[in-house]
Amino acid sequence: MQKGFFLPIACIVVMVMLAFPVAAGQVDLREFGLIQRGMSEAEVLVRLGPPDHESFEGFTPNNLLLKSYFYFSETGRHQEITTVIKFKGGRVVRTERIIR
């Protein structure tokens, strides 16, 4: 590896890490409204950060991956809200909010 190559790579890694929050936490209603059908997983990750939980449900007959992202509200809140983003083939097909 070239001597001057490490610093630019390290800077890029740090910028990517700062772009995503450490814990996803609750998705507020405004952020939820920004998620639309057809958005890519990357667009969702940029807007909401990494999910609290990710599940893989399998594949469609056309070999498209089915998966879901789950964002949970912070514990101790008066309402527990779970935001679910469902993907098929890397694109949003459904969004829902579950309030308990």
PDB file of N, CA and C in Angstrom:
ATOM      1  N   MET A   1       0.847  -1.173   0.000  1.00  0.00           N
ATOM      2  CA  MET A   1       0.000   0.000   0.000  1.00  0.00           C
ATOM      3  C   MET A   1       0.893   1.236   0.000  1.00  0.00           C
ATOM      4  N   GLN A   2       0.498   2.242  -0.744  1.00  0.00           N
ATOM      5  CA  GLN A   2       1.293   3.455  -0.822  1.00  0.00           C
ATOM      6  C   GLN A   2       1.216   4.218   0.492  1.00  0.00           C
ATOM      7  N   LYS A   3       2.286   4.969   0.768  1.00  0.00           N
ATOM      8  CA  LYS A   3       2.407   5.657   2.047  1.00  0.00           C
ATOM      9  C   LYS A   3       1.311   6.709   2.266  1.00  0.00           C
ATOM     10  N   GLY A   4       0.982   7.507   1.258  1.00  0.00           N
ATOM     11  CA  GLY A   4      -0.010   8.573   1.407  1.00  0.00           C
ATOM     12  C   GLY A   4      -1.438   8.127   1.197  1.00  0.00           C
ATOM     13  N   PHE A   5      -1.681   6.845   1.081  1.00  0.00           N
ATOM     14  CA  PHE A   5      -3.007   6.310   0.782  1.00  0.00           C
ATOM     15  C   PHE A   5      -3.857   6.125   2.027  1.00  0.00           C
ATOM     16  N   PHE A   6      -3.269   5.906   3.181  1.00  0.00           N
ATOM     17  CA  PHE A   6      -4.006   5.586   4.407  1.00  0.00           C
ATOM     18  C   PHE A   6      -4.864   6.749   4.904  1.00  0.00           C
ATOM     19  N   LEU A   7      -4.330   7.961   4.923  1.00  0.00           N
ATOM     20  CA  LEU A   7      -5.052   9.112   5.477  1.00  0.00           C
ATOM     21  C   LEU A   7      -6.364   9.396   4.746  1.00  0.00           C
ATOM     22  N   PRO A   8      -6.394   9.446   3.403  1.00  0.00           N
ATOM     23  CA  PRO A   8      -7.685   9.689   2.733  1.00  0.00           C
ATOM     24  C   PRO A   8      -8.711   8.590   3.009  1.00  0.00           C
ATOM     25  N   ILE A   9      -8.264   7.338   3.064  1.00  0.00           N
ATOM     26  CA  ILE A   9      -9.188   6.235   3.357  1.00  0.00           C
ATOM     27  C   ILE A   9      -9.728   6.368   4.777  1.00  0.00           C
ATOM     28  N   ALA A  10      -8.870   6.704   5.728  1.00  0.00           N
ATOM     29  CA  ALA A  10      -9.301   6.876   7.120  1.00  0.00           C
ATOM     30  C   ALA A  10     -10.319   8.006   7.225  1.00  0.00           C
ATOM     31  N   CYS A  11     -10.107   9.093   6.499  1.00  0.00           N
ATOM     32  CA  CYS A  11     -11.052  10.218   6.517  1.00  0.00           C
ATOM     33  C   CYS A  11     -12.415   9.807   5.969  1.00  0.00           C
ATOM     34  N   ILE A  12     -12.424   9.031   4.915  1.00  0.00           N
ATOM     35  CA  ILE A  12     -13.682   8.569   4.330  1.00  0.00           C
ATOM     36  C   ILE A  12     -14.429   7.661   5.309  1.00  0.00           C
ATOM     37  N   VAL A  13     -13.716   6.761   5.959  1.00  0.00           N
ATOM     38  CA  VAL A  13     -14.336   5.860   6.932  1.00  0.00           C
ATOM     39  C   VAL A  13     -14.950   6.657   8.075  1.00  0.00           C
ATOM     40  N   VAL A  14     -14.257   7.654   8.583  1.00  0.00           N
ATOM     41  CA  VAL A  14     -14.771   8.481   9.677  1.00  0.00           C
ATOM     42  C   VAL A  14     -16.014   9.239   9.228  1.00  0.00           C
ATOM     43  N   MET A  15     -16.012   9.800   8.018  1.00  0.00           N
ATOM     44  CA  MET A  15     -17.178  10.546   7.524  1.00  0.00           C
ATOM     45  C   MET A  15     -18.393   9.638   7.391  1.00  0.00           C
ATOM     46  N   VAL A  16     -18.197   8.413   6.913  1.00  0.00           N
ATOM     47  CA  VAL A  16     -19.311   7.466   6.791  1.00  0.00           C
ATOM     48  C   VAL A  16     -19.849   7.102   8.165  1.00  0.00           C
ATOM     49  N   MET A  17     -18.952   6.887   9.129  1.00  0.00           N
ATOM     50  CA  MET A  17     -19.396   6.537  10.486  1.00  0.00           C
ATOM     51  C   MET A  17     -20.181   7.679  11.123  1.00  0.00           C
ATOM     52  N   LEU A  18     -19.792   8.919  10.867  1.00  0.00           N
ATOM     53  CA  LEU A  18     -20.500  10.056  11.436  1.00  0.00           C
ATOM     54  C   LEU A  18     -21.843  10.296  10.768  1.00  0.00           C
ATOM     55  N   ALA A  19     -21.994   9.814   9.553  1.00  0.00           N
ATOM     56  CA  ALA A  19     -23.247  10.012   8.831  1.00  0.00           C
ATOM     57  C   ALA A  19     -24.379   9.179   9.404  1.00  0.00           C
ATOM     58  N   PHE A  20     -24.046   8.064  10.073  1.00  0.00           N
ATOM     59  CA  PHE A  20     -25.062   7.189  10.634  1.00  0.00           C
ATOM     60  C   PHE A  20     -25.010   7.250  12.152  1.00  0.00           C
ATOM     61  N   PRO A  21     -26.152   7.501  12.798  1.00  0.00           N
ATOM     62  CA  PRO A  21     -26.158   7.516  14.259  1.00  0.00           C
ATOM     63  C   PRO A  21     -25.872   6.133  14.830  1.00  0.00           C
ATOM     64  N   VAL A  22     -25.393   6.108  16.066  1.00  0.00           N
ATOM     65  CA  VAL A  22     -25.041   4.838  16.706  1.00  0.00           C
ATOM     66  C   VAL A  22     -26.285   4.016  17.005  1.00  0.00           C
ATOM     67  N   ALA A  23     -27.304   4.640  17.546  1.00  0.00           N
ATOM     68  CA  ALA A  23     -28.551   3.939  17.837  1.00  0.00           C
ATOM     69  C   ALA A  23     -29.668   4.606  17.056  1.00  0.00           C
ATOM     70  N   ALA A  24     -30.529   3.817  16.468  1.00  0.00           N
ATOM     71  CA  ALA A  24     -31.569   4.373  15.620  1.00  0.00           C
ATOM     72  C   ALA A  24     -32.612   5.141  16.430  1.00  0.00           C
ATOM     73  N   GLY A  25     -33.087   4.556  17.520  1.00  0.00           N
ATOM     74  CA  GLY A  25     -34.106   5.226  18.317  1.00  0.00           C
ATOM     75  C   GLY A  25     -35.421   5.337  17.563  1.00  0.00           C
ATOM     76  N   GLN A  26     -36.295   6.165  18.082  1.00  0.00           N
ATOM     77  CA  GLN A  26     -37.618   6.329  17.500  1.00  0.00           C
ATOM     78  C   GLN A  26     -37.558   7.152  16.226  1.00  0.00           C
ATOM     79  N   VAL A  27     -38.350   6.773  15.254  1.00  0.00           N
ATOM     80  CA  VAL A  27     -38.490   7.524  14.011  1.00  0.00           C
ATOM     81  C   VAL A  27     -39.675   8.454  14.200  1.00  0.00           C
ATOM     82  N   ASP A  28     -39.443   9.771  14.107  1.00  0.00           N
ATOM     83  CA  ASP A  28     -40.572  10.684  14.300  1.00  0.00           C
ATOM     84  C   ASP A  28     -41.466  10.689  13.055  1.00  0.00           C
ATOM     85  N   LEU A  29     -42.644  11.263  13.194  1.00  0.00           N
ATOM     86  CA  LEU A  29     -43.650  11.230  12.139  1.00  0.00           C
ATOM     87  C   LEU A  29     -43.170  11.924  10.871  1.00  0.00           C
ATOM     88  N   ARG A  30     -42.408  12.994  11.018  1.00  0.00           N
ATOM     89  CA  ARG A  30     -41.882  13.716   9.852  1.00  0.00           C
ATOM     90  C   ARG A  30     -40.941  12.813   9.058  1.00  0.00           C
ATOM     91  N   GLU A  31     -40.025  12.139   9.766  1.00  0.00           N
ATOM     92  CA  GLU A  31     -39.093  11.228   9.098  1.00  0.00           C
ATOM     93  C   GLU A  31     -39.842  10.069   8.451  1.00  0.00           C
ATOM     94  N   PHE A  32     -40.847   9.555   9.153  1.00  0.00           N
ATOM     95  CA  PHE A  32     -41.645   8.442   8.629  1.00  0.00           C
ATOM     96  C   PHE A  32     -42.316   8.841   7.314  1.00  0.00           C
ATOM     97  N   GLY A  33     -42.800  10.073   7.249  1.00  0.00           N
ATOM     98  CA  GLY A  33     -43.460  10.566   6.041  1.00  0.00           C
ATOM     99  C   GLY A  33     -42.529  10.713   4.848  1.00  0.00           C
ATOM    100  N   LEU A  34     -41.230  10.779   5.099  1.00  0.00           N
ATOM    101  CA  LEU A  34     -40.259  10.920   4.006  1.00  0.00           C
ATOM    102  C   LEU A  34     -39.958   9.585   3.313  1.00  0.00           C
ATOM    103  N   ILE A  35     -40.339   8.479   3.942  1.00  0.00           N
ATOM    104  CA  ILE A  35     -40.069   7.163   3.367  1.00  0.00           C
ATOM    105  C   ILE A  35     -41.208   6.813   2.417  1.00  0.00           C
ATOM    106  N   GLN A  36     -40.866   6.585   1.159  1.00  0.00           N
ATOM    107  CA  GLN A  36     -41.864   6.324   0.120  1.00  0.00           C
ATOM    108  C   GLN A  36     -41.632   4.964  -0.528  1.00  0.00           C
ATOM    109  N   ARG A  37     -42.707   4.386  -1.069  1.00  0.00           N
ATOM    110  CA  ARG A  37     -42.583   3.137  -1.849  1.00  0.00           C
ATOM    111  C   ARG A  37     -41.596   3.351  -2.981  1.00  0.00           C
ATOM    112  N   GLY A  38     -40.760   2.351  -3.215  1.00  0.00           N
ATOM    113  CA  GLY A  38     -39.804   2.419  -4.311  1.00  0.00           C
ATOM    114  C   GLY A  38     -38.438   2.955  -3.919  1.00  0.00           C
ATOM    115  N   MET A  39     -38.319   3.534  -2.715  1.00  0.00           N
ATOM    116  CA  MET A  39     -37.010   4.018  -2.267  1.00  0.00           C
ATOM    117  C   MET A  39     -36.068   2.837  -2.064  1.00  0.00           C
ATOM    118  N   SER A  40     -34.776   3.069  -2.262  1.00  0.00           N
ATOM    119  CA  SER A  40     -33.790   2.014  -2.049  1.00  0.00           C
ATOM    120  C   SER A  40     -33.451   1.897  -0.561  1.00  0.00           C
ATOM    121  N   GLU A  41     -32.845   0.775  -0.201  1.00  0.00           N
ATOM    122  CA  GLU A  41     -32.389   0.590   1.185  1.00  0.00           C
ATOM    123  C   GLU A  41     -31.404   1.681   1.569  1.00  0.00           C
ATOM    124  N   ALA A  42     -30.532   2.047   0.644  1.00  0.00           N
ATOM    125  CA  ALA A  42     -29.528   3.077   0.926  1.00  0.00           C
ATOM    126  C   ALA A  42     -30.190   4.408   1.265  1.00  0.00           C
ATOM    127  N   GLU A  43     -31.245   4.771   0.539  1.00  0.00           N
ATOM    128  CA  GLU A  43     -31.957   6.023   0.828  1.00  0.00           C
ATOM    129  C   GLU A  43     -32.577   5.980   2.221  1.00  0.00           C
ATOM    130  N   VAL A  44     -33.146   4.836   2.596  1.00  0.00           N
ATOM    131  CA  VAL A  44     -33.745   4.693   3.931  1.00  0.00           C
ATOM    132  C   VAL A  44     -32.663   4.818   5.002  1.00  0.00           C
ATOM    133  N   LEU A  45     -31.527   4.165   4.792  1.00  0.00           N
ATOM    134  CA  LEU A  45     -30.435   4.233   5.768  1.00  0.00           C
ATOM    135  C   LEU A  45     -29.913   5.650   5.926  1.00  0.00           C
ATOM    136  N   VAL A  46     -29.834   6.398   4.847  1.00  0.00           N
ATOM    137  CA  VAL A  46     -29.368   7.788   4.933  1.00  0.00           C
ATOM    138  C   VAL A  46     -30.353   8.627   5.732  1.00  0.00           C
ATOM    139  N   ARG A  47     -31.656   8.412   5.530  1.00  0.00           N
ATOM    140  CA  ARG A  47     -32.673   9.222   6.215  1.00  0.00           C
ATOM    141  C   ARG A  47     -32.894   8.812   7.670  1.00  0.00           C
ATOM    142  N   LEU A  48     -32.880   7.500   7.945  1.00  0.00           N
ATOM    143  CA  LEU A  48     -33.242   7.022   9.290  1.00  0.00           C
ATOM    144  C   LEU A  48     -32.082   6.444  10.090  1.00  0.00           C
ATOM    145  N   GLY A  49     -30.971   6.151   9.442  1.00  0.00           N
ATOM    146  CA  GLY A  49     -29.866   5.501  10.128  1.00  0.00           C
ATOM    147  C   GLY A  49     -30.073   4.002  10.152  1.00  0.00           C
ATOM    148  N   PRO A  50     -29.145   3.274  10.763  1.00  0.00           N
ATOM    149  CA  PRO A  50     -29.274   1.813  10.796  1.00  0.00           C
ATOM    150  C   PRO A  50     -30.452   1.395  11.673  1.00  0.00           C
ATOM    151  N   PRO A  51     -31.118   0.290  11.302  1.00  0.00           N
ATOM    152  CA  PRO A  51     -32.270  -0.154  12.092  1.00  0.00           C
ATOM    153  C   PRO A  51     -31.837  -0.772  13.414  1.00  0.00           C
ATOM    154  N   ASP A  52     -32.790  -0.817  14.359  1.00  0.00           N
ATOM    155  CA  ASP A  52     -32.549  -1.507  15.628  1.00  0.00           C
ATOM    156  C   ASP A  52     -32.553  -3.022  15.423  1.00  0.00           C
ATOM    157  N   HIS A  53     -33.334  -3.475  14.453  1.00  0.00           N
ATOM    158  CA  HIS A  53     -33.408  -4.905  14.149  1.00  0.00           C
ATOM    159  C   HIS A  53     -33.672  -5.051  12.659  1.00  0.00           C
ATOM    160  N   GLU A  54     -33.131  -6.113  12.069  1.00  0.00           N
ATOM    161  CA  GLU A  54     -33.310  -6.400  10.650  1.00  0.00           C
ATOM    162  C   GLU A  54     -33.698  -7.862  10.525  1.00  0.00           C
ATOM    163  N   SER A  55     -34.748  -8.161   9.755  1.00  0.00           N
ATOM    164  CA  SER A  55     -35.138  -9.565   9.584  1.00  0.00           C
ATOM    165  C   SER A  55     -35.181  -9.905   8.101  1.00  0.00           C
ATOM    166  N   PHE A  56     -34.769 -11.131   7.805  1.00  0.00           N
ATOM    167  CA  PHE A  56     -34.788 -11.642   6.444  1.00  0.00           C
ATOM    168  C   PHE A  56     -35.907 -12.672   6.351  1.00  0.00           C
ATOM    169  N   GLU A  57     -36.877 -12.424   5.466  1.00  0.00           N
ATOM    170  CA  GLU A  57     -38.043 -13.305   5.355  1.00  0.00           C
ATOM    171  C   GLU A  57     -37.917 -14.336   4.248  1.00  0.00           C
ATOM    172  N   GLY A  58     -36.942 -14.223   3.391  1.00  0.00           N
ATOM    173  CA  GLY A  58     -36.776 -15.194   2.312  1.00  0.00           C
ATOM    174  C   GLY A  58     -36.688 -14.517   0.961  1.00  0.00           C
ATOM    175  N   PHE A  59     -37.141 -15.243  -0.068  1.00  0.00           N
ATOM    176  CA  PHE A  59     -37.059 -14.758  -1.441  1.00  0.00           C
ATOM    177  C   PHE A  59     -38.403 -14.931  -2.135  1.00  0.00           C
ATOM    178  N   THR A  60     -38.666 -14.076  -3.118  1.00  0.00           N
ATOM    179  CA  THR A  60     -39.855 -14.210  -3.954  1.00  0.00           C
ATOM    180  C   THR A  60     -39.569 -15.290  -4.994  1.00  0.00           C
ATOM    181  N   PRO A  61     -40.591 -15.730  -5.744  1.00  0.00           N
ATOM    182  CA  PRO A  61     -40.334 -16.689  -6.823  1.00  0.00           C
ATOM    183  C   PRO A  61     -39.333 -16.158  -7.867  1.00  0.00           C
ATOM    184  N   ASN A  62     -39.201 -14.839  -7.955  1.00  0.00           N
ATOM    185  CA  ASN A  62     -38.257 -14.230  -8.904  1.00  0.00           C
ATOM    186  C   ASN A  62     -36.893 -13.989  -8.269  1.00  0.00           C
ATOM    187  N   ASN A  63     -36.638 -14.588  -7.104  1.00  0.00           N
ATOM    188  CA  ASN A  63     -35.373 -14.459  -6.373  1.00  0.00           C
ATOM    189  C   ASN A  63     -35.083 -13.042  -5.883  1.00  0.00           C
ATOM    190  N   LEU A  64     -36.125 -12.295  -5.530  1.00  0.00           N
ATOM    191  CA  LEU A  64     -35.934 -10.986  -4.914  1.00  0.00           C
ATOM    192  C   LEU A  64     -35.956 -11.168  -3.400  1.00  0.00           C
ATOM    193  N   LEU A  65     -34.981 -10.591  -2.711  1.00  0.00           N
ATOM    194  CA  LEU A  65     -34.860 -10.719  -1.261  1.00  0.00           C
ATOM    195  C   LEU A  65     -35.982  -9.965  -0.556  1.00  0.00           C
ATOM    196  N   LEU A  66     -36.622 -10.613   0.416  1.00  0.00           N
ATOM    197  CA  LEU A  66     -37.640  -9.987   1.261  1.00  0.00           C
ATOM    198  C   LEU A  66     -37.035  -9.758   2.633  1.00  0.00           C
ATOM    199  N   LYS A  67     -37.074  -8.514   3.102  1.00  0.00           N
ATOM    200  CA  LYS A  67     -36.540  -8.218   4.434  1.00  0.00           C
ATOM    201  C   LYS A  67     -37.250  -7.018   5.023  1.00  0.00           C
ATOM    202  N   SER A  68     -37.064  -6.832   6.326  1.00  0.00           N
ATOM    203  CA  SER A  68     -37.702  -5.722   7.045  1.00  0.00           C
ATOM    204  C   SER A  68     -36.703  -5.061   7.970  1.00  0.00           C
ATOM    205  N   TYR A  69     -36.842  -3.743   8.126  1.00  0.00           N
ATOM    206  CA  TYR A  69     -36.105  -2.978   9.124  1.00  0.00           C
ATOM    207  C   TYR A  69     -37.086  -2.594  10.219  1.00  0.00           C
ATOM    208  N   PHE A  70     -36.637  -2.676  11.483  1.00  0.00           N
ATOM    209  CA  PHE A  70     -37.460  -2.299  12.630  1.00  0.00           C
ATOM    210  C   PHE A  70     -36.746  -1.204  13.410  1.00  0.00           C
ATOM    211  N   TYR A  71     -37.470  -0.139  13.702  1.00  0.00           N
ATOM    212  CA  TYR A  71     -36.965   0.955  14.532  1.00  0.00           C
ATOM    213  C   TYR A  71     -37.877   1.045  15.744  1.00  0.00           C
ATOM    214  N   PHE A  72     -37.329   0.892  16.950  1.00  0.00           N
ATOM    215  CA  PHE A  72     -38.113   0.884  18.186  1.00  0.00           C
ATOM    216  C   PHE A  72     -38.004   2.223  18.897  1.00  0.00           C
ATOM    217  N   SER A  73     -39.089   2.594  19.609  1.00  0.00           N
ATOM    218  CA  SER A  73     -39.033   3.807  20.421  1.00  0.00           C
ATOM    219  C   SER A  73     -38.146   3.556  21.629  1.00  0.00           C
ATOM    220  N   GLU A  74     -37.709   4.636  22.240  1.00  0.00           N
ATOM    221  CA  GLU A  74     -36.856   4.518  23.417  1.00  0.00           C
ATOM    222  C   GLU A  74     -37.667   3.972  24.581  1.00  0.00           C
ATOM    223  N   THR A  75     -37.047   3.150  25.411  1.00  0.00           N
ATOM    224  CA  THR A  75     -37.758   2.587  26.555  1.00  0.00           C
ATOM    225  C   THR A  75     -38.082   3.695  27.549  1.00  0.00           C
ATOM    226  N   GLY A  76     -39.184   3.538  28.242  1.00  0.00           N
ATOM    227  CA  GLY A  76     -39.587   4.512  29.230  1.00  0.00           C
ATOM    228  C   GLY A  76     -40.518   5.590  28.695  1.00  0.00           C
ATOM    229  N   ARG A  77     -40.789   5.570  27.402  1.00  0.00           N
ATOM    230  CA  ARG A  77     -41.728   6.547  26.843  1.00  0.00           C
ATOM    231  C   ARG A  77     -43.148   6.109  27.165  1.00  0.00           C
ATOM    232  N   HIS A  78     -44.102   7.055  27.149  1.00  0.00           N
ATOM    233  CA  HIS A  78     -45.474   6.705  27.488  1.00  0.00           C
ATOM    234  C   HIS A  78     -46.134   5.839  26.410  1.00  0.00           C
ATOM    235  N   GLN A  79     -45.639   5.885  25.168  1.00  0.00           N
ATOM    236  CA  GLN A  79     -46.131   5.022  24.106  1.00  0.00           C
ATOM    237  C   GLN A  79     -44.947   4.293  23.474  1.00  0.00           C
ATOM    238  N   GLU A  80     -45.137   3.026  23.233  1.00  0.00           N
ATOM    239  CA  GLU A  80     -44.114   2.290  22.498  1.00  0.00           C
ATOM    240  C   GLU A  80     -44.500   2.314  21.024  1.00  0.00           C
ATOM    241  N   ILE A  81     -43.606   2.822  20.189  1.00  0.00           N
ATOM    242  CA  ILE A  81     -43.866   2.909  18.757  1.00  0.00           C
ATOM    243  C   ILE A  81     -42.798   2.112  18.028  1.00  0.00           C
ATOM    244  N   THR A  82     -43.245   1.203  17.175  1.00  0.00           N
ATOM    245  CA  THR A  82     -42.336   0.445  16.331  1.00  0.00           C
ATOM    246  C   THR A  82     -42.600   0.849  14.890  1.00  0.00           C
ATOM    247  N   THR A  83     -41.561   1.275  14.209  1.00  0.00           N
ATOM    248  CA  THR A  83     -41.660   1.612  12.789  1.00  0.00           C
ATOM    249  C   THR A  83     -41.076   0.444  12.003  1.00  0.00           C
ATOM    250  N   VAL A  84     -41.854  -0.042  11.025  1.00  0.00           N
ATOM    251  CA  VAL A  84     -41.433  -1.183  10.213  1.00  0.00           C
ATOM    252  C   VAL A  84     -41.361  -0.738   8.751  1.00  0.00           C
ATOM    253  N   ILE A  85     -40.208  -1.002   8.129  1.00  0.00           N
ATOM    254  CA  ILE A  85     -40.016  -0.715   6.711  1.00  0.00           C
ATOM    255  C   ILE A  85     -39.765  -2.058   6.030  1.00  0.00           C
ATOM    256  N   LYS A  86     -40.635  -2.445   5.086  1.00  0.00           N
ATOM    257  CA  LYS A  86     -40.491  -3.725   4.386  1.00  0.00           C
ATOM    258  C   LYS A  86     -39.915  -3.497   2.994  1.00  0.00           C
ATOM    259  N   PHE A  87     -38.966  -4.374   2.623  1.00  0.00           N
ATOM    260  CA  PHE A  87     -38.275  -4.271   1.340  1.00  0.00           C
ATOM    261  C   PHE A  87     -38.498  -5.527   0.517  1.00  0.00           C
ATOM    262  N   LYS A  88     -38.551  -5.355  -0.793  1.00  0.00           N
ATOM    263  CA  LYS A  88     -38.546  -6.472  -1.731  1.00  0.00           C
ATOM    264  C   LYS A  88     -37.557  -6.115  -2.833  1.00  0.00           C
ATOM    265  N   GLY A  89     -36.518  -6.916  -2.963  1.00  0.00           N
ATOM    266  CA  GLY A  89     -35.503  -6.641  -3.970  1.00  0.00           C
ATOM    267  C   GLY A  89     -34.762  -5.340  -3.739  1.00  0.00           C
ATOM    268  N   GLY A  90     -34.615  -4.957  -2.459  1.00  0.00           N
ATOM    269  CA  GLY A  90     -33.875  -3.739  -2.125  1.00  0.00           C
ATOM    270  C   GLY A  90     -34.672  -2.454  -2.242  1.00  0.00           C
ATOM    271  N   ARG A  91     -35.986  -2.550  -2.464  1.00  0.00           N
ATOM    272  CA  ARG A  91     -36.849  -1.368  -2.590  1.00  0.00           C
ATOM    273  C   ARG A  91     -37.981  -1.427  -1.569  1.00  0.00           C
ATOM    274  N   VAL A  92     -38.374  -0.272  -1.050  1.00  0.00           N
ATOM    275  CA  VAL A  92     -39.471  -0.196  -0.072  1.00  0.00           C
ATOM    276  C   VAL A  92     -40.775  -0.596  -0.749  1.00  0.00           C
ATOM    277  N   VAL A  93     -41.489  -1.538  -0.113  1.00  0.00           N
ATOM    278  CA  VAL A  93     -42.809  -1.938  -0.609  1.00  0.00           C
ATOM    279  C   VAL A  93     -43.915  -1.614   0.390  1.00  0.00           C
ATOM    280  N   ARG A  94     -43.535  -1.389   1.666  1.00  0.00           N
ATOM    281  CA  ARG A  94     -44.551  -1.106   2.675  1.00  0.00           C
ATOM    282  C   ARG A  94     -43.906  -0.452   3.885  1.00  0.00           C
ATOM    283  N   THR A  95     -44.649   0.481   4.484  1.00  0.00           N
ATOM    284  CA  THR A  95     -44.219   1.093   5.746  1.00  0.00           C
ATOM    285  C   THR A  95     -45.387   1.023   6.721  1.00  0.00           C
ATOM    286  N   GLU A  96     -45.074   0.862   7.985  1.00  0.00           N
ATOM    287  CA  GLU A  96     -46.140   0.871   8.990  1.00  0.00           C
ATOM    288  C   GLU A  96     -45.579   1.305  10.336  1.00  0.00           C
ATOM    289  N   ARG A  97     -46.483   1.837  11.152  1.00  0.00           N
ATOM    290  CA  ARG A  97     -46.133   2.213  12.528  1.00  0.00           C
ATOM    291  C   ARG A  97     -47.081   1.469  13.454  1.00  0.00           C
ATOM    292  N   ILE A  98     -46.512   0.807  14.433  1.00  0.00           N
ATOM    293  CA  ILE A  98     -47.284   0.045  15.403  1.00  0.00           C
ATOM    294  C   ILE A  98     -47.181   0.776  16.731  1.00  0.00           C
ATOM    295  N   ILE A  99     -48.326   1.210  17.265  1.00  0.00           N
ATOM    296  CA  ILE A  99     -48.353   1.950  18.531  1.00  0.00           C
ATOM    297  C   ILE A  99     -49.012   1.084  19.578  1.00  0.00           C
ATOM    298  N   ARG A 100     -48.317   0.914  20.706  1.00  0.00           N
ATOM    299  CA  ARG A 100     -48.855   0.097  21.808  1.00  0.00           C
ATOM    300  C   ARG A 100     -49.052   0.946  23.024  1.00  0.00           C
TER     301      ARG A 100
END
